[in-house]
Structures are given as C-alpha cells and as structure tokens.
Amino acid sequence: MTSTASLASTVNYSGKTGSARWEGRLVEDAEVFTSFVRGVVRDRISDTASGFETDISGLASTGMSSEFVERLLAAVREPESWEIGEALAECALQHDSGLEVHLPWNTVRDRRTPRASLPGADLVGFVKDGETVLLLIGEVKTSSDANTPPNVMYGGSGMTWQLQASATKLDIQHALLRWLQSRCRLAPYRELYEKAVHCFLSSEGRELLLMGILIRDTKPDERDLKGRARAMAEVIGDPTRIDLLAWYLPIVMTDWQDLLTAEEAA
C-alpha cells in the first residue's frame, strides 16, 4: 500500500454565521484512510521525529545493554482511542483542511507517565493566511456516539465550554502562551510566534483562532456542529475566529488500533 499525506476528503456540509464557521469532511476511501494512519498518524503518535529510539540505541555499547535497550524500547503500551483521535486530528488539520497550520511541538513528548492526560488545550500553534499569523487554540473530541450532536460537545468537559474558556480566561491564556514561548525560541517558529502574539496582545486577547475538531466514525450530519457554532458566535464575536471542523471516517474507531499495529501490505 502506498503511503499518502492526504485523507482525500470531500466537504459534505459547511456554513458560516458571524465569527463562526463549520465544515464536515467525509473520507470515503478506507484504503486511503488506512494508508494515512500508517504513514502519517503512526509517526505522530510514536513521535519518530524526536529521534529518541536512534539516540537510545546509539548509547548502548555492550551486548547486554543492547538487549536491555530492545526490551526498554518495546515497552510501549497501545494508545487509547482518544490519543489516536488527537493524533488523527492534528494530522488531518495539517494535511487535509486547506489551512496552513503550524504546530511547533508534539505534546506526546510532554507526557511523563504512560497514561498522562495533559492539562490545557489539545492544540496550540499558529495558522498563517498570507502575511497574517494568528494564534491557534484548539480542542479535539473523538466520538462514536449515535447522538447528534454527540455528548462530547456539551458540558464542562465538552468542546464548546473548553473553547470559550480558552477565549475568555486570562489564566488559561497566560499558561498557553508561556508553554508556547518556550517551544518557539528558534526559526521558523519564533517569527510565527512574534507575529501571532503581537496580533493577540494588540487586540487585548481577541484576535486568535479557536479551532474545534470532531473526529467521527459515523455518517455526516451537520447538526454535529451547526448548533454549537451558532451558539459560540453569539458569545464570541470578531475579531476572534471560530472554526469547527469534523472528519467522518470510513473505519470504525474500535479498529483504529489494528491499523496502527498491523504491518502494511506488501
């Protein structure tokens, strides 16, 4: 199977009201989805770009230590559905949304315990539109819920509340900017950081992009996003941008783990 860096999705529905827009994208080709998971998402989850495995293996100088290193590197638990969903969302956003999104740090590196759920926003980065760069703060929800909208969109742990909190609570914004600044000290992210934060500060914290991503293994339904987008637009106006995006995937969530672990067909 040939790896692809795109989900080749099609827009199933879209809309806009005030400061908010919503869009549902359908991925129909199961083979393309499988290739994307194996060729793009798997690398994001395992964080191959960090070079950790190569570095550790290079430090093992004896046969005994090499054997230990092999056992150490193999001691990796299987990712949970929400972790796969978050990685899928990050990769889909960068490869299949039509937006120029920059996520300067893989948050997998921040987990100090195997099952850690990190506090704060799921996505922190930048979106570039021409010469304009905006701070991007996002939340990801993964759901097989038969309800429309799914329950993950509501309540204190739901997407809407979390996005609104990120847009209005100074303590959350302070923590996110501090986290981001320490990861954007070098090019090319330093320039993006300076431009985005300048816009954010000069607008007194209002000029940014709030991004909500919903990952589904159900049939597309505009009700998943439309009502939530309209409700947010009534609370948060310009110049804040609100984008709610959903990807509807052709393979059920319970089978995603098998896609990650199975070897690609010859």
C-alpha atoms as a PDB file:
ATOM      1  CA  MET A   1       0.000   0.000   0.000  1.00  0.00           C
ATOM      2  CA  THR A   2       1.383   3.393  -0.941  1.00  0.00           C
ATOM      3  CA  SER A   3       1.571   5.924   1.873  1.00  0.00           C
ATOM      4  CA  THR A   4      -0.299   9.165   1.341  1.00  0.00           C
ATOM      5  CA  ALA A   5      -0.100  12.506   3.100  1.00  0.00           C
ATOM      6  CA  SER A   6      -3.750  13.325   2.482  1.00  0.00           C
ATOM      7  CA  LEU A   7      -7.084  11.890   3.551  1.00  0.00           C
ATOM      8  CA  ALA A   8      -8.606  12.943   0.209  1.00  0.00           C
ATOM      9  CA  SER A   9     -11.768  14.020   1.992  1.00  0.00           C
ATOM     10  CA  THR A  10     -14.660  15.888   0.397  1.00  0.00           C
ATOM     11  CA  VAL A  11     -16.712  18.650   2.002  1.00  0.00           C
ATOM     12  CA  ASN A  12     -20.098  17.182   2.930  1.00  0.00           C
ATOM     13  CA  TYR A  13     -21.540  20.296   4.550  1.00  0.00           C
ATOM     14  CA  SER A  14     -20.432  23.790   5.540  1.00  0.00           C
ATOM     15  CA  GLY A  15     -21.792  27.048   6.862  1.00  0.00           C
ATOM     16  CA  LYS A  16     -20.949  30.363   8.473  1.00  0.00           C
ATOM     17  CA  THR A  17     -22.552  32.781  10.881  1.00  0.00           C
ATOM     18  CA  GLY A  18     -20.924  35.802  12.472  1.00  0.00           C
ATOM     19  CA  SER A  19     -17.450  34.910  13.684  1.00  0.00           C
ATOM     20  CA  ALA A  20     -18.010  31.144  13.344  1.00  0.00           C
ATOM     21  CA  ARG A  21     -17.854  28.703  10.501  1.00  0.00           C
ATOM     22  CA  TRP A  22     -18.380  24.951  10.434  1.00  0.00           C
ATOM     23  CA  GLU A  23     -17.439  22.234   7.979  1.00  0.00           C
ATOM     24  CA  GLY A  24     -17.884  18.479   7.799  1.00  0.00           C
ATOM     25  CA  ARG A  25     -15.489  16.442   5.661  1.00  0.00           C
ATOM     26  CA  LEU A  26     -16.181  12.873   4.546  1.00  0.00           C
ATOM     27  CA  VAL A  27     -13.433  10.319   3.963  1.00  0.00           C
ATOM     28  CA  GLU A  28     -14.935   7.559   1.817  1.00  0.00           C
ATOM     29  CA  ASP A  29     -11.884   5.525   0.779  1.00  0.00           C
ATOM     30  CA  ALA A  30     -10.938   3.054   3.522  1.00  0.00           C
ATOM     31  CA  GLU A  31      -7.642   2.225   1.814  1.00  0.00           C
ATOM     32  CA  VAL A  32      -6.601   5.882   1.709  1.00  0.00           C
ATOM     33  CA  PHE A  33      -7.559   6.257   5.371  1.00  0.00           C
ATOM     34  CA  THR A  34      -5.549   3.168   6.319  1.00  0.00           C
ATOM     35  CA  SER A  35      -2.523   4.456   4.444  1.00  0.00           C
ATOM     36  CA  PHE A  36      -2.821   7.850   6.145  1.00  0.00           C
ATOM     37  CA  VAL A  37      -2.972   6.253   9.599  1.00  0.00           C
ATOM     38  CA  ARG A  38       0.039   4.043   8.928  1.00  0.00           C
ATOM     39  CA  GLY A  39       2.098   6.570   7.035  1.00  0.00           C
ATOM     40  CA  VAL A  40       1.342   9.803   8.909  1.00  0.00           C
ATOM     41  CA  VAL A  41      -0.607   9.301  12.143  1.00  0.00           C
ATOM     42  CA  ARG A  42       1.546   6.450  13.441  1.00  0.00           C
ATOM     43  CA  ASP A  43       4.664   8.626  13.196  1.00  0.00           C
ATOM     44  CA  ARG A  44       2.896  11.388  15.118  1.00  0.00           C
ATOM     45  CA  ILE A  45       1.858   9.062  17.947  1.00  0.00           C
ATOM     46  CA  SER A  46       5.275   7.441  18.246  1.00  0.00           C
ATOM     47  CA  ASP A  47       6.991  10.824  17.703  1.00  0.00           C
ATOM     48  CA  THR A  48       9.557   9.460  15.255  1.00  0.00           C
ATOM     49  CA  ALA A  49      10.821  12.983  14.600  1.00  0.00           C
ATOM     50  CA  SER A  50      12.314  13.147  18.095  1.00  0.00           C
ATOM     51  CA  GLY A  51      14.958  10.537  17.218  1.00  0.00           C
ATOM     52  CA  PHE A  52      14.582   9.008  20.688  1.00  0.00           C
ATOM     53  CA  GLU A  53      14.949   5.365  19.609  1.00  0.00           C
ATOM     54  CA  THR A  54      18.041   6.094  17.496  1.00  0.00           C
ATOM     55  CA  ASP A  55      19.654   8.079  20.307  1.00  0.00           C
ATOM     56  CA  ILE A  56      18.991   5.439  22.959  1.00  0.00           C
ATOM     57  CA  SER A  57      20.169   2.613  20.712  1.00  0.00           C
ATOM     58  CA  GLY A  58      23.359   4.504  19.906  1.00  0.00           C
ATOM     59  CA  LEU A  59      24.185   4.825  23.605  1.00  0.00           C
ATOM     60  CA  ALA A  60      24.016   1.052  24.146  1.00  0.00           C
ATOM     61  CA  SER A  61      27.625  -0.123  23.814  1.00  0.00           C
ATOM     62  CA  THR A  62      27.536  -3.740  25.016  1.00  0.00           C
ATOM     63  CA  GLY A  63      25.543  -6.791  24.051  1.00  0.00           C
ATOM     64  CA  MET A  64      23.874  -6.846  27.434  1.00  0.00           C
ATOM     65  CA  SER A  65      22.881  -3.167  27.338  1.00  0.00           C
ATOM     66  CA  SER A  66      21.687  -3.551  23.749  1.00  0.00           C
ATOM     67  CA  GLU A  67      19.390  -6.369  24.817  1.00  0.00           C
ATOM     68  CA  PHE A  68      18.039  -4.222  27.631  1.00  0.00           C
ATOM     69  CA  VAL A  69      17.505  -1.320  25.247  1.00  0.00           C
ATOM     70  CA  GLU A  70      15.482  -3.559  22.942  1.00  0.00           C
ATOM     71  CA  ARG A  71      13.229  -4.553  25.835  1.00  0.00           C
ATOM     72  CA  LEU A  72      13.010  -0.940  27.005  1.00  0.00           C
ATOM     73  CA  LEU A  73      12.006   0.381  23.579  1.00  0.00           C
ATOM     74  CA  ALA A  74       9.460  -2.422  23.173  1.00  0.00           C
ATOM     75  CA  ALA A  75       7.777  -1.491  26.477  1.00  0.00           C
ATOM     76  CA  VAL A  76       5.223   0.805  24.882  1.00  0.00           C
ATOM     77  CA  ARG A  77       1.542   0.494  25.686  1.00  0.00           C
ATOM     78  CA  GLU A  78      -1.079   0.662  22.988  1.00  0.00           C
ATOM     79  CA  PRO A  79      -2.500   4.176  22.559  1.00  0.00           C
ATOM     80  CA  GLU A  80      -6.092   4.712  23.647  1.00  0.00           C
ATOM     81  CA  SER A  81      -8.823   5.802  21.250  1.00  0.00           C
ATOM     82  CA  TRP A  82      -8.709   9.435  22.368  1.00  0.00           C
ATOM     83  CA  GLU A  83      -4.947   9.544  21.772  1.00  0.00           C
ATOM     84  CA  ILE A  84      -5.352   8.154  18.255  1.00  0.00           C
ATOM     85  CA  GLY A  85      -8.157  10.650  17.702  1.00  0.00           C
ATOM     86  CA  GLU A  86      -5.977  13.579  18.789  1.00  0.00           C
ATOM     87  CA  ALA A  87      -3.140  12.482  16.512  1.00  0.00           C
ATOM     88  CA  LEU A  88      -5.611  11.999  13.654  1.00  0.00           C
ATOM     89  CA  ALA A  89      -6.975  15.494  14.222  1.00  0.00           C
ATOM     90  CA  GLU A  90      -3.519  17.088  14.223  1.00  0.00           C
ATOM     91  CA  CYS A  91      -2.516  15.292  11.020  1.00  0.00           C
ATOM     92  CA  ALA A  92      -5.849  15.939   9.285  1.00  0.00           C
ATOM     93  CA  LEU A  93      -5.662  19.611  10.192  1.00  0.00           C
ATOM     94  CA  GLN A  94      -2.195  19.957   8.694  1.00  0.00           C
ATOM     95  CA  HIS A  95      -2.692  17.741   5.625  1.00  0.00           C
ATOM     96  CA  ASP A  96      -6.391  17.857   4.741  1.00  0.00           C
ATOM     97  CA  SER A  97      -8.026  21.090   5.948  1.00  0.00           C
ATOM     98  CA  GLY A  98      -6.830  23.566   3.324  1.00  0.00           C
ATOM     99  CA  LEU A  99      -5.367  25.709   6.115  1.00  0.00           C
ATOM    100  CA  GLU A 100      -1.684  26.459   6.660  1.00  0.00           C
ATOM    101  CA  VAL A 101      -1.369  25.243  10.227  1.00  0.00           C
ATOM    102  CA  HIS A 102       1.871  25.088  12.211  1.00  0.00           C
ATOM    103  CA  LEU A 103       2.042  23.014  15.401  1.00  0.00           C
ATOM    104  CA  PRO A 104       5.557  23.577  16.764  1.00  0.00           C
ATOM    105  CA  TRP A 105       5.549  20.850  19.371  1.00  0.00           C
ATOM    106  CA  ASN A 106       4.311  17.278  19.630  1.00  0.00           C
ATOM    107  CA  THR A 107       2.669  17.101  23.057  1.00  0.00           C
ATOM    108  CA  VAL A 108       3.423  13.360  23.238  1.00  0.00           C
ATOM    109  CA  ARG A 109       6.883  14.455  24.411  1.00  0.00           C
ATOM    110  CA  ASP A 110       5.401  16.154  27.466  1.00  0.00           C
ATOM    111  CA  ARG A 111       3.870  13.026  28.962  1.00  0.00           C
ATOM    112  CA  ARG A 112       5.927  11.815  31.893  1.00  0.00           C
ATOM    113  CA  THR A 113       3.675   8.861  32.693  1.00  0.00           C
ATOM    114  CA  PRO A 114       2.231   6.381  30.160  1.00  0.00           C
ATOM    115  CA  ARG A 115      -1.412   7.367  30.642  1.00  0.00           C
ATOM    116  CA  ALA A 116      -0.998  11.063  31.345  1.00  0.00           C
ATOM    117  CA  SER A 117      -3.722  13.375  30.104  1.00  0.00           C
ATOM    118  CA  LEU A 118      -2.083  16.763  29.862  1.00  0.00           C
ATOM    119  CA  PRO A 119      -3.898  19.866  31.128  1.00  0.00           C
ATOM    120  CA  GLY A 120      -4.705  22.736  28.818  1.00  0.00           C
ATOM    121  CA  ALA A 121      -5.764  22.936  25.192  1.00  0.00           C
ATOM    122  CA  ASP A 122      -5.284  19.939  22.883  1.00  0.00           C
ATOM    123  CA  LEU A 123      -3.878  22.097  20.067  1.00  0.00           C
ATOM    124  CA  VAL A 124      -1.658  25.144  20.439  1.00  0.00           C
ATOM    125  CA  GLY A 125       0.038  26.647  17.416  1.00  0.00           C
ATOM    126  CA  PHE A 126      -0.441  29.059  14.543  1.00  0.00           C
ATOM    127  CA  VAL A 127      -2.454  29.470  11.377  1.00  0.00           C
ATOM    128  CA  LYS A 128      -0.932  31.522   8.539  1.00  0.00           C
ATOM    129  CA  ASP A 129      -3.064  33.308   5.974  1.00  0.00           C
ATOM    130  CA  GLY A 130      -0.876  35.344   3.647  1.00  0.00           C
ATOM    131  CA  GLU A 131       1.140  37.695   5.836  1.00  0.00           C
ATOM    132  CA  THR A 132      -1.245  37.305   8.765  1.00  0.00           C
ATOM    133  CA  VAL A 133      -0.406  34.822  11.526  1.00  0.00           C
ATOM    134  CA  LEU A 134      -2.923  34.049  14.258  1.00  0.00           C
ATOM    135  CA  LEU A 135      -2.570  32.160  17.487  1.00  0.00           C
ATOM    136  CA  LEU A 136      -4.456  28.851  17.224  1.00  0.00           C
ATOM    137  CA  ILE A 137      -6.012  27.286  20.319  1.00  0.00           C
ATOM    138  CA  GLY A 138      -7.936  24.085  19.710  1.00  0.00           C
ATOM    139  CA  GLU A 139      -9.843  21.219  21.258  1.00  0.00           C
ATOM    140  CA  VAL A 140     -10.247  17.723  19.828  1.00  0.00           C
ATOM    141  CA  LYS A 141     -13.138  15.381  20.512  1.00  0.00           C
ATOM    142  CA  THR A 142     -13.416  11.808  19.236  1.00  0.00           C
ATOM    143  CA  SER A 143     -16.789  10.102  19.315  1.00  0.00           C
ATOM    144  CA  SER A 144     -18.755   7.108  18.071  1.00  0.00           C
ATOM    145  CA  ASP A 145     -21.822   8.421  19.895  1.00  0.00           C
ATOM    146  CA  ALA A 146     -25.003   7.745  17.935  1.00  0.00           C
ATOM    147  CA  ASN A 147     -26.440  11.019  19.242  1.00  0.00           C
ATOM    148  CA  THR A 148     -26.288  14.109  17.051  1.00  0.00           C
ATOM    149  CA  PRO A 149     -24.579  16.242  18.268  1.00  0.00           C
ATOM    150  CA  PRO A 150     -22.503  13.785  20.308  1.00  0.00           C
ATOM    151  CA  ASN A 151     -22.298  14.285  24.070  1.00  0.00           C
ATOM    152  CA  VAL A 152     -18.639  15.353  23.834  1.00  0.00           C
ATOM    153  CA  MET A 153     -19.821  18.722  22.523  1.00  0.00           C
ATOM    154  CA  TYR A 154     -21.619  19.615  25.769  1.00  0.00           C
ATOM    155  CA  GLY A 155     -20.924  20.165  29.451  1.00  0.00           C
ATOM    156  CA  GLY A 156     -17.904  21.263  31.442  1.00  0.00           C
ATOM    157  CA  SER A 157     -15.614  18.873  29.583  1.00  0.00           C
ATOM    158  CA  GLY A 158     -17.261  19.492  26.223  1.00  0.00           C
ATOM    159  CA  MET A 159     -15.737  21.225  23.236  1.00  0.00           C
ATOM    160  CA  THR A 160     -17.858  24.392  23.427  1.00  0.00           C
ATOM    161  CA  TRP A 161     -17.145  25.167  27.075  1.00  0.00           C
ATOM    162  CA  GLN A 162     -13.425  24.461  26.704  1.00  0.00           C
ATOM    163  CA  LEU A 163     -13.062  26.724  23.666  1.00  0.00           C
ATOM    164  CA  GLN A 164     -14.981  29.529  25.328  1.00  0.00           C
ATOM    165  CA  ALA A 165     -12.790  29.213  28.417  1.00  0.00           C
ATOM    166  CA  SER A 166      -9.651  29.484  26.278  1.00  0.00           C
ATOM    167  CA  ALA A 167     -11.057  32.621  24.668  1.00  0.00           C
ATOM    168  CA  THR A 168     -12.012  34.392  27.887  1.00  0.00           C
ATOM    169  CA  LYS A 169      -9.900  33.218  30.830  1.00  0.00           C
ATOM    170  CA  LEU A 170      -6.632  35.107  31.217  1.00  0.00           C
ATOM    171  CA  ASP A 171      -5.037  32.421  33.408  1.00  0.00           C
ATOM    172  CA  ILE A 172      -5.528  29.824  30.654  1.00  0.00           C
ATOM    173  CA  GLN A 173      -4.156  32.192  28.013  1.00  0.00           C
ATOM    174  CA  HIS A 174      -1.159  33.045  30.196  1.00  0.00           C
ATOM    175  CA  ALA A 175      -0.326  29.351  30.679  1.00  0.00           C
ATOM    176  CA  LEU A 176      -0.685  28.561  26.969  1.00  0.00           C
ATOM    177  CA  LEU A 177       1.460  31.499  25.834  1.00  0.00           C
ATOM    178  CA  ARG A 178       4.150  30.631  28.383  1.00  0.00           C
ATOM    179  CA  TRP A 179       4.141  26.998  27.209  1.00  0.00           C
ATOM    180  CA  LEU A 180       4.297  28.075  23.566  1.00  0.00           C
ATOM    181  CA  GLN A 181       7.042  30.660  24.063  1.00  0.00           C
ATOM    182  CA  SER A 182       9.470  28.106  25.450  1.00  0.00           C
ATOM    183  CA  ARG A 183       8.967  25.951  22.346  1.00  0.00           C
ATOM    184  CA  CYS A 184       9.327  28.729  19.796  1.00  0.00           C
ATOM    185  CA  ARG A 185      12.788  30.070  20.546  1.00  0.00           C
ATOM    186  CA  LEU A 186      14.255  29.146  17.153  1.00  0.00           C
ATOM    187  CA  ALA A 187      13.333  29.647  13.484  1.00  0.00           C
ATOM    188  CA  PRO A 188      10.926  29.179  11.852  1.00  0.00           C
ATOM    189  CA  TYR A 189       8.595  29.209  14.845  1.00  0.00           C
ATOM    190  CA  ARG A 190       9.991  32.313  16.536  1.00  0.00           C
ATOM    191  CA  GLU A 191       8.783  34.576  13.716  1.00  0.00           C
ATOM    192  CA  LEU A 192       5.349  32.943  13.724  1.00  0.00           C
ATOM    193  CA  TYR A 193       5.162  33.307  17.496  1.00  0.00           C
ATOM    194  CA  GLU A 194       6.069  37.014  17.392  1.00  0.00           C
ATOM    195  CA  LYS A 195       3.512  37.825  14.687  1.00  0.00           C
ATOM    196  CA  ALA A 196       0.701  35.850  16.316  1.00  0.00           C
ATOM    197  CA  VAL A 197       1.321  37.163  19.818  1.00  0.00           C
ATOM    198  CA  HIS A 198       1.559  40.732  18.519  1.00  0.00           C
ATOM    199  CA  CYS A 199      -1.937  40.378  16.997  1.00  0.00           C
ATOM    200  CA  PHE A 200      -3.203  38.774  20.189  1.00  0.00           C
ATOM    201  CA  LEU A 201      -1.835  41.463  22.509  1.00  0.00           C
ATOM    202  CA  SER A 202      -2.737  44.459  20.335  1.00  0.00           C
ATOM    203  CA  SER A 203      -6.359  43.232  20.238  1.00  0.00           C
ATOM    204  CA  GLU A 204      -6.391  42.690  24.021  1.00  0.00           C
ATOM    205  CA  GLY A 205      -6.613  38.944  23.586  1.00  0.00           C
ATOM    206  CA  ARG A 206      -9.362  38.838  20.986  1.00  0.00           C
ATOM    207  CA  GLU A 207      -7.588  38.239  17.679  1.00  0.00           C
ATOM    208  CA  LEU A 208      -6.994  34.489  17.542  1.00  0.00           C
ATOM    209  CA  LEU A 209      -8.426  31.323  16.013  1.00  0.00           C
ATOM    210  CA  LEU A 210     -10.450  28.942  18.168  1.00  0.00           C
ATOM    211  CA  MET A 211     -10.411  25.544  16.478  1.00  0.00           C
ATOM    212  CA  GLY A 212     -12.720  22.692  17.426  1.00  0.00           C
ATOM    213  CA  ILE A 213     -12.124  19.353  15.724  1.00  0.00           C
ATOM    214  CA  LEU A 214     -14.549  16.457  15.902  1.00  0.00           C
ATOM    215  CA  ILE A 215     -13.405  13.014  14.774  1.00  0.00           C
ATOM    216  CA  ARG A 216     -16.282  10.637  13.963  1.00  0.00           C
ATOM    217  CA  ASP A 217     -16.813   7.133  12.587  1.00  0.00           C
ATOM    218  CA  THR A 218     -20.487   7.865  11.875  1.00  0.00           C
ATOM    219  CA  LYS A 219     -22.388   9.257   8.907  1.00  0.00           C
ATOM    220  CA  PRO A 220     -22.005  13.010   8.329  1.00  0.00           C
ATOM    221  CA  ASP A 221     -24.637  15.175   9.973  1.00  0.00           C
ATOM    222  CA  GLU A 222     -24.487  18.974  10.000  1.00  0.00           C
ATOM    223  CA  ARG A 223     -26.252  19.034  13.366  1.00  0.00           C
ATOM    224  CA  ASP A 224     -22.984  17.810  14.908  1.00  0.00           C
ATOM    225  CA  LEU A 225     -21.508  21.300  14.510  1.00  0.00           C
ATOM    226  CA  LYS A 226     -24.064  23.843  13.302  1.00  0.00           C
ATOM    227  CA  GLY A 227     -25.855  24.493  16.587  1.00  0.00           C
ATOM    228  CA  ARG A 228     -22.641  24.670  18.589  1.00  0.00           C
ATOM    229  CA  ALA A 229     -21.052  27.078  16.108  1.00  0.00           C
ATOM    230  CA  ARG A 230     -24.077  29.380  16.199  1.00  0.00           C
ATOM    231  CA  ALA A 231     -24.135  29.339  19.998  1.00  0.00           C
ATOM    232  CA  MET A 232     -20.453  30.248  20.187  1.00  0.00           C
ATOM    233  CA  ALA A 233     -20.849  33.072  17.648  1.00  0.00           C
ATOM    234  CA  GLU A 234     -23.463  34.668  19.908  1.00  0.00           C
ATOM    235  CA  VAL A 235     -20.963  34.753  22.782  1.00  0.00           C
ATOM    236  CA  ILE A 236     -17.670  35.404  20.974  1.00  0.00           C
ATOM    237  CA  GLY A 237     -17.556  37.946  18.166  1.00  0.00           C
ATOM    238  CA  ASP A 238     -14.979  39.404  15.807  1.00  0.00           C
ATOM    239  CA  PRO A 239     -12.030  39.598  15.573  1.00  0.00           C
ATOM    240  CA  THR A 240     -11.932  36.132  17.159  1.00  0.00           C
ATOM    241  CA  ARG A 241     -12.369  33.417  14.539  1.00  0.00           C
ATOM    242  CA  ILE A 242     -14.179  30.193  15.389  1.00  0.00           C
ATOM    243  CA  ASP A 243     -13.694  27.134  13.170  1.00  0.00           C
ATOM    244  CA  LEU A 244     -15.495  23.875  13.967  1.00  0.00           C
ATOM    245  CA  LEU A 245     -14.374  21.033  11.694  1.00  0.00           C
ATOM    246  CA  ALA A 246     -15.455  17.396  11.619  1.00  0.00           C
ATOM    247  CA  TRP A 247     -13.923  14.428   9.831  1.00  0.00           C
ATOM    248  CA  TYR A 248     -16.160  11.397   9.211  1.00  0.00           C
ATOM    249  CA  LEU A 249     -14.023   8.320   8.744  1.00  0.00           C
ATOM    250  CA  PRO A 250     -14.728   5.039   6.896  1.00  0.00           C
ATOM    251  CA  ILE A 251     -13.379   2.616   9.526  1.00  0.00           C
ATOM    252  CA  VAL A 252     -14.933   2.254  12.978  1.00  0.00           C
ATOM    253  CA  MET A 253     -12.996   3.551  15.945  1.00  0.00           C
ATOM    254  CA  THR A 254     -12.595   0.104  17.521  1.00  0.00           C
ATOM    255  CA  ASP A 255     -10.447  -0.939  14.535  1.00  0.00           C
ATOM    256  CA  TRP A 256      -8.064   2.031  14.566  1.00  0.00           C
ATOM    257  CA  GLN A 257      -5.627   0.315  16.908  1.00  0.00           C
ATOM    258  CA  ASP A 258      -5.294  -2.601  14.456  1.00  0.00           C
ATOM    259  CA  LEU A 259      -4.420  -0.134  11.679  1.00  0.00           C
ATOM    260  CA  LEU A 260      -1.570   1.248  13.771  1.00  0.00           C
ATOM    261  CA  THR A 261      -0.064  -2.088  14.755  1.00  0.00           C
ATOM    262  CA  ALA A 262      -0.583  -4.095  11.559  1.00  0.00           C
ATOM    263  CA  GLU A 263       2.206  -4.114   9.017  1.00  0.00           C
ATOM    264  CA  GLU A 264       1.485  -2.514   5.680  1.00  0.00           C
ATOM    265  CA  ALA A 265       0.638  -4.893   2.873  1.00  0.00           C
ATOM    266  CA  ALA A 266       3.479  -5.596   0.524  1.00  0.00           C
END
